[in-house]
Protein backbone atom coordinates (compact mmCIF):
# COMPACT_ATOMS: atom_id res chain seq x y z
CA MET A 1 -24.98 -49.50 -30.07
CA ARG A 2 -23.05 -49.37 -33.28
CA LEU A 3 -22.14 -46.39 -35.35
CA THR A 4 -24.07 -46.11 -38.61
CA TRP A 5 -23.73 -44.38 -41.96
CA LYS A 6 -25.47 -41.41 -40.36
CA ASP A 7 -22.61 -41.03 -37.89
CA ALA A 8 -20.15 -41.26 -40.79
CA ALA A 9 -22.03 -38.55 -42.69
CA ALA A 10 -22.11 -36.29 -39.62
CA THR A 11 -18.39 -36.91 -39.11
CA GLY A 12 -17.72 -35.89 -42.70
CA LEU A 13 -19.67 -32.65 -42.31
CA VAL A 14 -17.87 -31.76 -39.08
CA ALA A 15 -14.53 -32.63 -40.71
CA VAL A 16 -15.34 -30.12 -43.47
CA ILE A 17 -16.03 -27.46 -40.81
CA VAL A 18 -12.70 -28.19 -39.10
CA ALA A 19 -10.82 -28.18 -42.41
CA LEU A 20 -12.36 -24.86 -43.46
CA TYR A 21 -11.56 -23.35 -40.07
CA ALA A 22 -7.97 -24.63 -40.24
CA GLY A 23 -7.68 -23.11 -43.70
CA PHE A 24 -9.02 -19.83 -42.37
CA LEU A 25 -6.48 -19.82 -39.53
CA THR A 26 -3.59 -20.43 -41.92
CA ASP A 27 -4.75 -17.66 -44.26
CA ALA A 28 -5.45 -20.12 -47.06
CA THR A 29 -7.17 -18.62 -50.05
CA LEU A 30 -10.72 -19.88 -49.68
CA PRO A 31 -13.14 -18.30 -52.15
CA LEU A 32 -16.02 -16.60 -50.31
CA LEU A 33 -14.73 -17.94 -46.97
CA ASP A 34 -12.05 -15.38 -46.23
CA SER A 35 -14.11 -13.63 -43.55
CA PRO A 36 -15.28 -14.93 -40.18
CA ARG A 37 -18.85 -13.97 -41.07
CA MET A 38 -19.05 -16.20 -44.14
CA LEU A 39 -17.24 -19.06 -42.44
CA ALA A 40 -19.64 -18.82 -39.48
CA ALA A 41 -22.62 -19.05 -41.81
CA VAL A 42 -21.20 -22.04 -43.68
CA ALA A 43 -20.20 -23.76 -40.41
CA LEU A 44 -23.69 -23.17 -39.02
CA VAL A 45 -25.36 -24.74 -42.07
CA LEU A 46 -22.96 -27.71 -42.06
CA GLY A 47 -23.37 -28.13 -38.29
CA ILE A 48 -27.16 -28.16 -38.57
CA GLY A 49 -26.78 -30.70 -41.36
CA ALA A 50 -24.55 -32.89 -39.17
CA CYS A 51 -27.05 -32.66 -36.32
CA THR A 52 -29.95 -33.50 -38.62
CA VAL A 53 -28.23 -36.44 -40.28
CA GLY A 54 -26.42 -37.87 -37.28
CA GLY A 55 -28.81 -37.04 -34.49
CA THR A 56 -31.39 -39.27 -32.90
CA MET A 57 -34.63 -38.16 -31.34
CA VAL A 58 -35.05 -39.39 -27.79
CA PRO A 59 -38.23 -37.81 -26.43
CA ALA A 60 -38.64 -37.47 -22.69
CA ALA A 61 -41.44 -39.46 -21.09
CA LYS A 62 -44.64 -37.45 -20.76
CA GLY A 63 -44.54 -35.35 -17.64
CA GLN A 64 -40.84 -36.07 -17.06
CA PRO A 65 -38.11 -33.46 -17.38
CA ALA A 66 -35.46 -33.87 -20.04
CA SER A 67 -32.44 -35.93 -19.05
CA PRO A 68 -29.26 -34.13 -17.95
CA GLY A 69 -27.62 -35.28 -21.19
CA ALA A 70 -30.41 -33.79 -23.29
CA ARG A 71 -30.14 -30.53 -21.35
CA LEU A 72 -26.39 -30.47 -21.93
CA PHE A 73 -26.85 -31.02 -25.69
CA SER A 74 -29.45 -28.24 -25.72
CA PHE A 75 -27.09 -25.90 -23.86
CA PHE A 76 -24.20 -26.50 -26.27
CA GLY A 77 -26.50 -26.27 -29.28
CA THR A 78 -27.81 -22.94 -28.04
CA MET A 79 -24.28 -21.69 -27.38
CA THR A 80 -23.26 -22.70 -30.90
CA LEU A 81 -26.20 -20.84 -32.43
CA ILE A 82 -25.59 -17.72 -30.34
CA ALA A 83 -21.88 -17.74 -31.21
CA ALA A 84 -22.69 -18.12 -34.92
CA VAL A 85 -25.15 -15.23 -34.90
CA LEU A 86 -22.70 -13.03 -32.99
CA VAL A 87 -19.89 -13.86 -35.42
CA MET A 88 -22.14 -12.97 -38.36
CA ILE A 89 -22.90 -9.63 -36.67
CA THR A 90 -19.47 -8.72 -35.29
CA GLY A 91 -16.97 -10.69 -37.39
CA SER A 92 -15.20 -11.84 -34.20
CA GLU A 93 -12.58 -14.52 -34.79
CA LYS A 94 -12.69 -15.50 -31.09
CA LEU A 95 -16.41 -16.21 -31.30
CA LEU A 96 -15.78 -18.17 -34.50
CA ALA A 97 -13.42 -20.36 -32.48
CA VAL A 98 -16.18 -20.82 -29.88
CA GLN A 99 -18.66 -21.75 -32.61
CA VAL A 100 -16.34 -24.31 -34.19
CA GLY A 101 -15.30 -25.67 -30.80
CA THR A 102 -18.86 -26.17 -29.58
CA THR A 103 -19.83 -27.76 -32.90
CA VAL A 104 -16.98 -30.27 -32.54
CA ALA A 105 -17.91 -30.87 -28.89
CA LEU A 106 -21.53 -31.59 -29.86
CA TRP A 107 -20.44 -33.99 -32.59
CA LEU A 108 -18.02 -35.78 -30.26
CA ALA A 109 -20.58 -36.11 -27.47
CA ALA A 110 -23.28 -37.38 -29.85
CA THR A 111 -20.93 -39.88 -31.46
CA LEU A 112 -19.77 -41.19 -28.08
CA ARG A 113 -23.38 -41.46 -26.93
CA HIS A 114 -24.27 -43.45 -30.04
CA LEU A 115 -21.24 -45.67 -29.52
CA LEU A 116 -21.73 -46.29 -25.79
CA THR A 117 -25.52 -46.46 -25.43
CA PRO A 118 -26.86 -50.02 -25.66
CA ALA A 119 -29.63 -50.61 -28.18
CA ALA A 120 -33.11 -50.73 -26.68
CA ALA A 121 -34.65 -54.17 -26.28
CA GLY A 122 -36.63 -55.04 -29.38
CA ALA A 123 -35.13 -52.18 -31.35
CA PRO A 124 -34.18 -53.09 -34.88
CA GLY A 125 -30.47 -53.53 -35.27
CA PRO A 126 -28.31 -53.53 -38.34
CA MET A 127 -29.16 -56.20 -40.89
CA PRO A 128 -26.72 -59.08 -41.05
CA ALA A 129 -24.68 -59.42 -44.21
CA GLY A 130 -26.81 -60.80 -47.02
CA ALA A 131 -30.11 -60.31 -45.20
CA ARG A 132 -31.21 -57.45 -47.43
CA GLU A 133 -30.56 -59.50 -50.57
CA ARG A 134 -32.52 -62.45 -49.15
CA GLU A 135 -35.37 -60.12 -48.22
CA MET A 136 -35.44 -58.63 -51.74
CA THR A 137 -35.62 -62.03 -53.44
CA ARG A 138 -38.65 -63.06 -51.37
CA HIS A 139 -40.87 -60.40 -52.89
C-alpha cells in the first residue's frame, strides 16, 4: 500500500511533538510550554490528531478476537494516554519522555503498517495522474 496525504499530515503532527519536546529538553523559551504538564497536554492533543488523521479502521471479523497488531497498538495507545495523564498530574519529565516515545513508536508502527500492507483486492487505490480532471469534465 502507498502512503497518502493522511500519513504526511500525521507525520507533520508527530514532528511538531518531537520538535516541541526537543525544545523543552534544551530549555528553549517556548511560551506556555515551559512545563512538562503543558507540553504533555499539547502532545496528547497533537498525538490524538495524528492518530485520527493518519489512522485506518480495521474492524475485527464478528466473533473473532482482535489481531495481535491491533492489540499492540491498543497497548501502546493506552500507555501513551496513561503517561500523559500522569505527567499532567505529577509534572514528571521522565513520564513525558515515555509519552513522547510511545507516541513516536505508534506513529512509526502505523506508518510502516500502511507502507508494508498490500491493498485489499477491489479496494480503491490512488487515482492515476489526470484521472480526477477527466472525471470532473464528464459531469
